[in-house]
Amino acid sequence: MAESELIERFKRGDRSAFDALVELHRARVEGLARRFLGDAHEALDVAQDVFVAAFRTLPTWRPDAQLFTWLYRTTLNLCAKRLRSRGRVLSMADPVAEGTAAPAEPLDRGDLAQAIDEALEALSEKQREVFLGCHERGLTLDEVAARLSIAPGTARSHLHRALVTLRDRLKSRRLL
């Protein structure tokens, strides 16, 4: 069943449609949170919070928006909140020199989203397309390769380079 149909069924009161939406997106949300937080148990907690938020948001959902885009952004925001509570996400306004103490003020959601967007903009066009295809749209590498008319090995290489670049950029800003 199509995602949009499940959303409409949920809006009409069919709770089983929401369960189907959770099953459709659960693995990707949990995987994203696990990669971001580095902790499987915290990732499950974040995923649960994401789907509670989705349950509250879906009754007013606009049919022109992609649900996973919203889930992706919400997952990142909740992960950032968890990292802030652990003191791991630092202020971008106060760069930390090697060997100095971390600034006390945490990074807010907008700053983190902006840092991620800037890191994505630093990628080559192909790297960005492959990364977003896999991580935001949930496509397999083979599906992304077919859509971009490139070999699966080339897509794998673009994804690897994108991940290295994103990790390095976010680490240089002390966000990871």
Protein backbone atom coordinates (compact mmCIF):
# COMPACT_ATOMS: atom_id res chain seq x y z
CA MET A 1 0.00 0.00 0.00
CA ALA A 2 1.29 3.48 -0.85
CA GLU A 3 2.49 5.78 1.92
CA SER A 4 0.01 8.51 0.98
CA GLU A 5 -2.88 6.03 1.22
CA LEU A 6 -1.70 4.88 4.65
CA ILE A 7 -1.55 8.49 5.84
CA GLU A 8 -5.08 9.14 4.60
CA ARG A 9 -6.35 5.98 6.28
CA PHE A 10 -4.70 7.06 9.54
CA LYS A 11 -6.30 10.51 9.26
CA ARG A 12 -9.69 8.75 9.00
CA GLY A 13 -8.98 6.90 12.26
CA ASP A 14 -7.38 3.64 11.11
CA ARG A 15 -4.66 3.00 13.72
CA SER A 16 -3.36 -0.03 11.81
CA ALA A 17 -2.34 2.34 9.00
CA PHE A 18 -0.02 4.11 11.43
CA ASP A 19 1.49 0.76 12.44
CA ALA A 20 2.16 0.09 8.76
CA LEU A 21 3.84 3.51 8.39
CA VAL A 22 6.05 2.76 11.39
CA GLU A 23 7.05 -0.59 9.89
CA LEU A 24 7.74 1.10 6.57
CA HIS A 25 10.18 3.63 8.08
CA ARG A 26 11.34 2.13 11.40
CA ALA A 27 14.57 0.55 10.18
CA ARG A 28 15.76 3.71 8.42
CA VAL A 29 14.90 5.97 11.37
CA GLU A 30 16.60 3.63 13.85
CA GLY A 31 19.63 3.25 11.58
CA LEU A 32 20.01 6.99 11.14
CA ALA A 33 19.77 7.56 14.90
CA ARG A 34 22.24 4.73 15.60
CA ARG A 35 24.79 6.16 13.14
CA PHE A 36 24.37 9.65 14.58
CA LEU A 37 24.42 8.66 18.28
CA GLY A 38 26.63 5.57 18.18
CA ASP A 39 24.36 3.79 20.67
CA ALA A 40 21.68 1.27 19.69
CA HIS A 41 19.61 1.71 22.86
CA GLU A 42 19.49 5.49 22.53
CA ALA A 43 18.65 5.07 18.85
CA LEU A 44 15.59 3.00 19.78
CA ASP A 45 14.50 5.70 22.25
CA VAL A 46 14.91 8.40 19.60
CA ALA A 47 13.02 6.35 17.03
CA GLN A 48 10.16 5.93 19.49
CA ASP A 49 10.11 9.70 20.10
CA VAL A 50 10.14 10.35 16.34
CA PHE A 51 7.11 8.13 15.81
CA VAL A 52 5.25 9.65 18.77
CA ALA A 53 5.83 13.06 17.14
CA ALA A 54 4.67 11.64 13.79
CA PHE A 55 1.51 10.29 15.44
CA ARG A 56 0.73 13.81 16.66
CA THR A 57 1.66 15.50 13.37
CA LEU A 58 0.01 13.22 10.82
CA PRO A 59 -3.59 14.40 11.38
CA THR A 60 -2.59 17.75 9.82
CA TRP A 61 -0.13 16.30 7.27
CA ARG A 62 0.09 17.98 3.85
CA PRO A 63 -0.10 15.37 1.09
CA ASP A 64 2.51 17.20 -1.03
CA ALA A 65 5.33 16.55 1.49
CA GLN A 66 7.40 13.36 1.78
CA LEU A 67 6.97 11.76 5.19
CA PHE A 68 10.50 10.36 5.35
CA THR A 69 11.99 13.85 4.79
CA TRP A 70 10.13 15.00 7.90
CA LEU A 71 11.11 11.85 9.82
CA TYR A 72 14.76 12.33 8.79
CA ARG A 73 14.85 15.94 9.99
CA THR A 74 13.02 15.09 13.21
CA THR A 75 15.42 12.21 13.88
CA LEU A 76 18.44 14.49 13.41
CA ASN A 77 16.93 17.14 15.67
CA LEU A 78 16.17 14.64 18.44
CA CYS A 79 19.66 13.12 18.13
CA ALA A 80 21.19 16.59 18.40
CA LYS A 81 19.10 17.22 21.52
CA ARG A 82 20.42 13.99 23.06
CA LEU A 83 24.00 14.89 22.21
CA ARG A 84 23.53 18.35 23.72
CA SER A 85 22.24 16.78 26.91
CA ARG A 86 25.45 14.72 27.01
CA GLY A 87 27.50 17.84 26.32
CA ARG A 88 28.82 16.44 23.03
CA VAL A 89 27.49 19.06 20.60
CA LEU A 90 29.35 22.33 20.92
CA SER A 91 28.67 25.89 19.92
CA MET A 92 29.82 26.77 16.43
CA ALA A 93 30.17 30.40 17.49
CA ASP A 94 33.07 29.52 19.81
CA PRO A 95 35.53 27.28 17.97
CA VAL A 96 37.55 25.18 20.37
CA ALA A 97 41.31 25.24 19.99
CA GLU A 98 43.16 22.00 20.50
CA GLY A 99 43.68 21.34 24.20
CA THR A 100 41.20 23.96 25.49
CA ALA A 101 37.96 23.40 27.36
CA ALA A 102 34.72 23.06 25.45
CA PRO A 103 32.37 26.04 25.40
CA ALA A 104 29.41 25.82 27.76
CA GLU A 105 26.71 26.91 25.31
CA PRO A 106 25.27 24.08 23.19
CA LEU A 107 24.48 24.22 19.52
CA ASP A 108 20.81 24.83 18.77
CA ARG A 109 18.71 22.87 16.27
CA GLY A 110 18.85 25.50 13.56
CA ASP A 111 22.63 25.69 13.77
CA LEU A 112 22.98 21.92 13.53
CA ALA A 113 20.62 21.76 10.55
CA GLN A 114 22.57 24.58 8.91
CA ALA A 115 25.88 22.80 9.56
CA ILE A 116 24.52 19.61 7.99
CA ASP A 117 23.17 21.54 5.00
CA GLU A 118 26.53 23.28 4.54
CA ALA A 119 28.36 19.96 4.76
CA LEU A 120 26.00 18.53 2.11
CA GLU A 121 26.67 21.54 -0.13
CA ALA A 122 30.40 20.80 0.08
CA LEU A 123 29.85 17.47 -1.69
CA SER A 124 30.14 17.06 -5.42
CA GLU A 125 26.79 16.85 -7.21
CA LYS A 126 27.06 13.07 -7.70
CA GLN A 127 28.14 12.46 -4.10
CA ARG A 128 25.19 14.52 -2.83
CA GLU A 129 22.72 12.75 -5.14
CA VAL A 130 23.94 9.30 -4.06
CA PHE A 131 24.01 10.21 -0.36
CA LEU A 132 20.52 11.76 -0.38
CA GLY A 133 19.16 8.93 -2.48
CA CYS A 134 20.33 6.36 0.06
CA HIS A 135 19.89 8.23 3.33
CA GLU A 136 16.96 10.55 2.77
CA ARG A 137 14.93 8.74 0.15
CA GLY A 138 15.79 5.23 1.40
CA LEU A 139 16.85 3.84 -1.97
CA THR A 140 19.38 1.04 -2.30
CA LEU A 141 22.74 1.73 -3.95
CA ASP A 142 21.58 -0.25 -6.99
CA GLU A 143 18.42 1.88 -7.27
CA VAL A 144 20.42 5.10 -6.97
CA ALA A 145 22.92 3.86 -9.56
CA ALA A 146 20.09 3.03 -11.98
CA ARG A 147 18.45 6.44 -11.49
CA LEU A 148 21.76 8.22 -12.09
CA SER A 149 22.81 5.89 -14.94
CA ILE A 150 26.07 4.96 -13.23
CA ALA A 151 27.56 1.62 -12.24
CA PRO A 152 26.73 0.34 -8.72
CA GLY A 153 30.45 0.37 -7.87
CA THR A 154 30.65 4.03 -8.88
CA ALA A 155 27.62 4.79 -6.69
CA ARG A 156 29.31 2.95 -3.80
CA SER A 157 32.45 5.03 -4.31
CA HIS A 158 30.47 8.30 -4.38
CA LEU A 159 28.64 7.27 -1.19
CA HIS A 160 31.89 6.41 0.58
CA ARG A 161 33.50 9.73 -0.40
CA ALA A 162 30.35 11.60 0.67
CA LEU A 163 30.35 9.94 4.09
CA VAL A 164 34.05 10.66 4.61
CA THR A 165 33.59 14.31 3.61
CA LEU A 166 30.51 14.77 5.80
CA ARG A 167 32.18 13.13 8.79
CA ASP A 168 35.32 15.23 8.38
CA ARG A 169 33.37 18.49 8.00
CA LEU A 170 31.18 17.83 11.02
CA LYS A 171 34.19 16.70 13.08
CA SER A 172 36.11 19.84 12.12
CA ARG A 173 33.20 21.84 13.52
CA ARG A 174 33.26 19.62 16.61
CA LEU A 175 29.76 18.31 15.95
CA LEU A 176 30.79 14.65 15.98
